[in-house]
Amino acid sequence: VEIKLNNTSYQLEAILDTGNNLTDPYKKRSIILIDEKVNIQRKRVIYVPYKALNTTGVIPCILPDKVIINHKEYKNLLIGLSTDKFSLNGISCILPNKLKEDLCQE
């Protein structure tokens, strides 16, 4: 996954999580989760409320210029900064289930 933000490009290893159905309730944008330890610019932060299993909260999100996955460009996504540690080695990005059908066609 390549995230473009303010003329900077970030390359991340990702996995598709069919359980990630996080969306921005205001504009219905899907949320890609990244490890908060990724050194990414945080100038335009949007706080998005979420509800998951037995918890609710607010996740800080960044509006990227664009996200490129398998040479396909996406502009209507948010980048959520996750405080949870990802358990898979080398993975720093979790893609939302909404991209499943799109990515499986390639």
N, C-alpha and C. Protein backbone atom coordinates (compact mmCIF):
# COMPACT_ATOMS: atom_id res chain seq x y z
N VAL A 1 0.85 -1.18 0.00
CA VAL A 1 0.00 0.00 0.00
C VAL A 1 0.89 1.23 0.00
N GLU A 2 0.54 2.18 -0.83
CA GLU A 2 1.26 3.45 -0.87
C GLU A 2 0.29 4.56 -0.48
N ILE A 3 0.66 5.33 0.53
CA ILE A 3 -0.15 6.45 0.99
C ILE A 3 0.56 7.73 0.58
N LYS A 4 -0.14 8.60 -0.13
CA LYS A 4 0.43 9.88 -0.53
C LYS A 4 -0.24 10.98 0.28
N LEU A 5 0.63 11.78 0.93
CA LEU A 5 0.14 12.83 1.81
C LEU A 5 1.12 13.99 1.79
N ASN A 6 0.66 15.15 1.35
CA ASN A 6 1.49 16.36 1.32
C ASN A 6 2.83 16.15 0.63
N ASN A 7 2.81 15.62 -0.57
CA ASN A 7 4.02 15.38 -1.38
C ASN A 7 4.99 14.39 -0.76
N THR A 8 4.52 13.57 0.18
CA THR A 8 5.32 12.51 0.77
C THR A 8 4.62 11.19 0.51
N SER A 9 5.41 10.16 0.21
CA SER A 9 4.87 8.84 -0.06
C SER A 9 5.30 7.87 1.03
N TYR A 10 4.35 7.08 1.53
CA TYR A 10 4.61 6.09 2.57
C TYR A 10 4.28 4.71 2.02
N GLN A 11 5.21 3.78 2.09
CA GLN A 11 5.03 2.41 1.62
C GLN A 11 4.81 1.51 2.84
N LEU A 12 3.67 0.81 2.88
CA LEU A 12 3.35 -0.03 4.02
C LEU A 12 2.94 -1.42 3.57
N GLU A 13 3.27 -2.43 4.38
CA GLU A 13 2.80 -3.79 4.15
C GLU A 13 1.40 -3.89 4.76
N ALA A 14 0.47 -4.47 4.02
CA ALA A 14 -0.93 -4.48 4.46
C ALA A 14 -1.53 -5.87 4.39
N ILE A 15 -2.63 -6.00 5.10
CA ILE A 15 -3.44 -7.21 5.04
C ILE A 15 -4.90 -6.77 4.98
N LEU A 16 -5.71 -7.53 4.25
CA LEU A 16 -7.14 -7.25 4.17
C LEU A 16 -7.82 -7.92 5.37
N ASP A 17 -8.58 -7.16 6.13
CA ASP A 17 -9.28 -7.69 7.30
C ASP A 17 -10.77 -7.62 7.03
N THR A 18 -11.39 -8.79 6.84
CA THR A 18 -12.82 -8.82 6.56
C THR A 18 -13.65 -8.36 7.76
N GLY A 19 -13.02 -8.25 8.93
CA GLY A 19 -13.71 -7.76 10.11
C GLY A 19 -13.61 -6.25 10.28
N ASN A 20 -12.80 -5.59 9.45
CA ASN A 20 -12.65 -4.14 9.54
C ASN A 20 -13.74 -3.47 8.72
N ASN A 21 -14.79 -3.06 9.40
CA ASN A 21 -15.90 -2.37 8.74
C ASN A 21 -16.03 -0.93 9.21
N LEU A 22 -14.92 -0.38 9.69
CA LEU A 22 -14.94 1.00 10.18
C LEU A 22 -15.22 1.97 9.05
N THR A 23 -16.15 2.87 9.30
CA THR A 23 -16.44 3.93 8.34
C THR A 23 -16.69 5.23 9.08
N ASP A 24 -16.42 6.28 8.40
CA ASP A 24 -16.70 7.63 8.88
C ASP A 24 -18.21 7.82 8.82
N PRO A 25 -18.90 8.01 9.96
CA PRO A 25 -20.36 8.11 9.92
C PRO A 25 -20.88 9.35 9.21
N TYR A 26 -20.02 10.33 8.98
CA TYR A 26 -20.46 11.58 8.36
C TYR A 26 -20.44 11.51 6.84
N LYS A 27 -19.34 11.02 6.28
CA LYS A 27 -19.21 10.98 4.82
C LYS A 27 -19.09 9.56 4.27
N LYS A 28 -19.22 8.55 5.15
CA LYS A 28 -19.23 7.13 4.77
C LYS A 28 -17.93 6.67 4.12
N ARG A 29 -16.80 7.28 4.50
CA ARG A 29 -15.50 6.86 3.98
C ARG A 29 -14.99 5.68 4.79
N SER A 30 -14.47 4.66 4.10
CA SER A 30 -13.87 3.52 4.80
C SER A 30 -12.56 3.96 5.43
N ILE A 31 -12.16 3.23 6.49
CA ILE A 31 -10.96 3.59 7.23
C ILE A 31 -9.93 2.48 7.15
N ILE A 32 -8.75 2.83 6.66
CA ILE A 32 -7.59 1.95 6.68
C ILE A 32 -6.90 2.19 8.02
N LEU A 33 -6.62 1.13 8.74
CA LEU A 33 -5.93 1.27 10.01
C LEU A 33 -4.43 1.13 9.82
N ILE A 34 -3.67 2.03 10.42
CA ILE A 34 -2.21 1.87 10.42
C ILE A 34 -1.73 1.95 11.87
N ASP A 35 -0.60 1.33 12.10
CA ASP A 35 0.01 1.36 13.42
C ASP A 35 0.39 2.80 13.73
N GLU A 36 0.00 3.29 14.89
CA GLU A 36 0.28 4.69 15.25
C GLU A 36 1.78 4.98 15.30
N LYS A 37 2.61 3.94 15.34
CA LYS A 37 4.06 4.13 15.38
C LYS A 37 4.65 4.47 14.01
N VAL A 38 3.84 4.32 12.95
CA VAL A 38 4.30 4.71 11.62
C VAL A 38 4.49 6.22 11.63
N ASN A 39 5.63 6.67 11.19
CA ASN A 39 5.97 8.08 11.22
C ASN A 39 5.32 8.79 10.02
N ILE A 40 4.06 9.16 10.19
CA ILE A 40 3.29 9.78 9.12
C ILE A 40 2.88 11.19 9.56
N GLN A 41 2.85 12.12 8.62
CA GLN A 41 2.45 13.49 8.94
C GLN A 41 1.04 13.51 9.50
N ARG A 42 0.81 14.34 10.49
CA ARG A 42 -0.50 14.38 11.15
C ARG A 42 -1.03 15.81 11.20
N LYS A 43 -1.03 16.48 10.07
CA LYS A 43 -1.47 17.87 10.03
C LYS A 43 -2.99 17.99 10.00
N ARG A 44 -3.65 17.18 9.19
CA ARG A 44 -5.11 17.27 9.06
C ARG A 44 -5.76 16.08 9.77
N VAL A 45 -5.93 16.17 11.07
CA VAL A 45 -6.50 15.06 11.84
C VAL A 45 -8.00 15.26 11.99
N ILE A 46 -8.74 14.19 11.72
CA ILE A 46 -10.19 14.16 11.87
C ILE A 46 -10.48 13.09 12.93
N TYR A 47 -11.28 13.42 13.91
CA TYR A 47 -11.62 12.45 14.95
C TYR A 47 -12.96 11.79 14.61
N VAL A 48 -12.91 10.47 14.43
CA VAL A 48 -14.08 9.72 13.97
C VAL A 48 -14.57 8.80 15.09
N PRO A 49 -15.85 8.93 15.47
CA PRO A 49 -16.39 8.03 16.49
C PRO A 49 -16.58 6.63 15.88
N TYR A 50 -16.42 5.61 16.72
CA TYR A 50 -16.64 4.25 16.24
C TYR A 50 -17.30 3.41 17.33
N LYS A 51 -17.93 2.32 16.89
CA LYS A 51 -18.53 1.36 17.79
C LYS A 51 -18.06 -0.01 17.31
N ALA A 52 -17.46 -0.79 18.22
CA ALA A 52 -16.99 -2.13 17.88
C ALA A 52 -17.32 -3.08 19.01
N LEU A 53 -17.70 -4.28 18.69
CA LEU A 53 -18.11 -5.30 19.66
C LEU A 53 -18.70 -4.69 20.92
N ASN A 54 -17.94 -4.59 21.98
CA ASN A 54 -18.48 -4.07 23.24
C ASN A 54 -17.83 -2.76 23.65
N THR A 55 -17.38 -1.99 22.68
CA THR A 55 -16.70 -0.75 23.02
C THR A 55 -17.04 0.36 22.04
N THR A 56 -16.91 1.57 22.49
CA THR A 56 -17.06 2.73 21.62
C THR A 56 -15.86 3.64 21.89
N GLY A 57 -15.61 4.53 20.97
CA GLY A 57 -14.50 5.45 21.16
C GLY A 57 -14.38 6.41 20.00
N VAL A 58 -13.25 7.05 19.93
CA VAL A 58 -12.94 7.99 18.85
C VAL A 58 -11.56 7.63 18.34
N ILE A 59 -11.42 7.55 17.03
CA ILE A 59 -10.13 7.21 16.44
C ILE A 59 -9.64 8.42 15.63
N PRO A 60 -8.38 8.83 15.87
CA PRO A 60 -7.83 9.92 15.06
C PRO A 60 -7.55 9.41 13.64
N CYS A 61 -7.97 10.17 12.67
CA CYS A 61 -7.79 9.78 11.27
C CYS A 61 -7.14 10.91 10.48
N ILE A 62 -6.48 10.53 9.42
CA ILE A 62 -5.84 11.48 8.52
C ILE A 62 -6.50 11.34 7.15
N LEU A 63 -6.71 12.46 6.50
CA LEU A 63 -7.26 12.45 5.15
C LEU A 63 -6.08 12.52 4.17
N PRO A 64 -5.74 11.39 3.53
CA PRO A 64 -4.61 11.40 2.61
C PRO A 64 -4.99 12.03 1.27
N ASP A 65 -3.98 12.40 0.51
CA ASP A 65 -4.24 12.90 -0.85
C ASP A 65 -4.77 11.76 -1.71
N LYS A 66 -4.13 10.59 -1.59
CA LYS A 66 -4.59 9.38 -2.27
C LYS A 66 -3.89 8.16 -1.68
N VAL A 67 -4.50 7.01 -1.92
CA VAL A 67 -3.95 5.73 -1.50
C VAL A 67 -3.87 4.86 -2.75
N ILE A 68 -2.75 4.19 -2.95
CA ILE A 68 -2.58 3.32 -4.10
C ILE A 68 -2.39 1.90 -3.60
N ILE A 69 -3.26 1.01 -4.07
CA ILE A 69 -3.21 -0.40 -3.69
C ILE A 69 -3.21 -1.21 -4.98
N ASN A 70 -2.16 -2.01 -5.19
CA ASN A 70 -2.05 -2.82 -6.42
C ASN A 70 -2.26 -1.97 -7.67
N HIS A 71 -1.64 -0.83 -7.73
CA HIS A 71 -1.66 0.08 -8.88
C HIS A 71 -3.02 0.75 -9.11
N LYS A 72 -3.96 0.61 -8.18
CA LYS A 72 -5.26 1.25 -8.29
C LYS A 72 -5.32 2.38 -7.27
N GLU A 73 -5.84 3.53 -7.70
CA GLU A 73 -5.86 4.73 -6.87
C GLU A 73 -7.22 4.91 -6.19
N TYR A 74 -7.14 5.24 -4.89
CA TYR A 74 -8.34 5.51 -4.09
C TYR A 74 -8.20 6.88 -3.46
N LYS A 75 -9.29 7.65 -3.47
CA LYS A 75 -9.24 8.99 -2.88
C LYS A 75 -10.26 9.17 -1.76
N ASN A 76 -11.20 8.28 -1.62
CA ASN A 76 -12.26 8.46 -0.63
C ASN A 76 -12.06 7.53 0.57
N LEU A 77 -10.85 7.52 1.12
CA LEU A 77 -10.51 6.70 2.29
C LEU A 77 -9.91 7.58 3.37
N LEU A 78 -10.01 7.12 4.61
CA LEU A 78 -9.33 7.77 5.72
C LEU A 78 -8.27 6.82 6.26
N ILE A 79 -7.25 7.37 6.88
CA ILE A 79 -6.20 6.59 7.52
C ILE A 79 -6.39 6.74 9.03
N GLY A 80 -6.77 5.64 9.70
CA GLY A 80 -6.98 5.65 11.14
C GLY A 80 -5.71 5.23 11.86
N LEU A 81 -5.36 5.95 12.89
CA LEU A 81 -4.14 5.66 13.66
C LEU A 81 -4.51 4.75 14.83
N SER A 82 -4.11 3.50 14.73
CA SER A 82 -4.48 2.50 15.71
C SER A 82 -3.46 2.39 16.84
N THR A 83 -3.96 2.37 18.07
CA THR A 83 -3.08 2.17 19.22
C THR A 83 -2.90 0.68 19.51
N ASP A 84 -3.72 -0.18 18.90
CA ASP A 84 -3.60 -1.62 19.09
C ASP A 84 -2.42 -2.14 18.28
N LYS A 85 -1.65 -3.05 18.88
CA LYS A 85 -0.52 -3.64 18.19
C LYS A 85 -1.02 -4.70 17.21
N PHE A 86 -0.53 -4.64 15.99
CA PHE A 86 -0.90 -5.64 14.99
C PHE A 86 -0.08 -6.90 15.26
N SER A 87 -0.72 -8.06 15.24
CA SER A 87 -0.04 -9.28 15.64
C SER A 87 0.71 -9.99 14.51
N LEU A 88 0.58 -9.53 13.30
CA LEU A 88 1.28 -10.16 12.18
C LEU A 88 2.60 -9.45 11.91
N ASN A 89 3.66 -10.22 11.78
CA ASN A 89 4.99 -9.64 11.55
C ASN A 89 5.05 -8.88 10.23
N GLY A 90 5.58 -7.68 10.31
CA GLY A 90 5.79 -6.87 9.11
C GLY A 90 4.56 -6.11 8.64
N ILE A 91 3.41 -6.36 9.22
CA ILE A 91 2.19 -5.68 8.80
C ILE A 91 2.02 -4.40 9.62
N SER A 92 1.85 -3.29 8.92
CA SER A 92 1.64 -2.02 9.62
C SER A 92 0.37 -1.32 9.12
N CYS A 93 -0.43 -2.06 8.34
CA CYS A 93 -1.60 -1.46 7.72
C CYS A 93 -2.69 -2.54 7.56
N ILE A 94 -3.92 -2.20 7.97
CA ILE A 94 -5.04 -3.13 7.84
C ILE A 94 -6.09 -2.50 6.93
N LEU A 95 -6.37 -3.17 5.83
CA LEU A 95 -7.32 -2.67 4.84
C LEU A 95 -8.75 -3.03 5.25
N PRO A 96 -9.71 -2.17 4.93
CA PRO A 96 -11.11 -2.44 5.30
C PRO A 96 -11.76 -3.48 4.38
N ASN A 97 -12.75 -4.16 4.92
CA ASN A 97 -13.49 -5.18 4.18
C ASN A 97 -14.12 -4.63 2.91
N LYS A 98 -14.48 -3.36 2.91
CA LYS A 98 -15.14 -2.75 1.74
C LYS A 98 -14.29 -2.87 0.47
N LEU A 99 -12.97 -3.00 0.61
CA LEU A 99 -12.09 -3.11 -0.55
C LEU A 99 -11.97 -4.55 -1.06
N LYS A 100 -12.52 -5.51 -0.33
CA LYS A 100 -12.36 -6.93 -0.66
C LYS A 100 -12.75 -7.25 -2.10
N GLU A 101 -13.95 -6.91 -2.47
CA GLU A 101 -14.42 -7.23 -3.81
C GLU A 101 -13.56 -6.56 -4.88
N ASP A 102 -13.20 -5.33 -4.65
CA ASP A 102 -12.38 -4.58 -5.61
C ASP A 102 -11.00 -5.21 -5.77
N LEU A 103 -10.37 -5.61 -4.66
CA LEU A 103 -9.03 -6.18 -4.70
C LEU A 103 -9.01 -7.61 -5.22
N CYS A 104 -10.08 -8.36 -4.99
CA CYS A 104 -10.12 -9.75 -5.42
C CYS A 104 -10.32 -9.88 -6.93
N GLN A 105 -10.74 -8.82 -7.59
CA GLN A 105 -10.94 -8.86 -9.04
C GLN A 105 -9.63 -8.78 -9.80
N GLU A 106 -8.56 -8.40 -9.11
CA GLU A 106 -7.27 -8.22 -9.80
C GLU A 106 -6.50 -9.51 -9.87
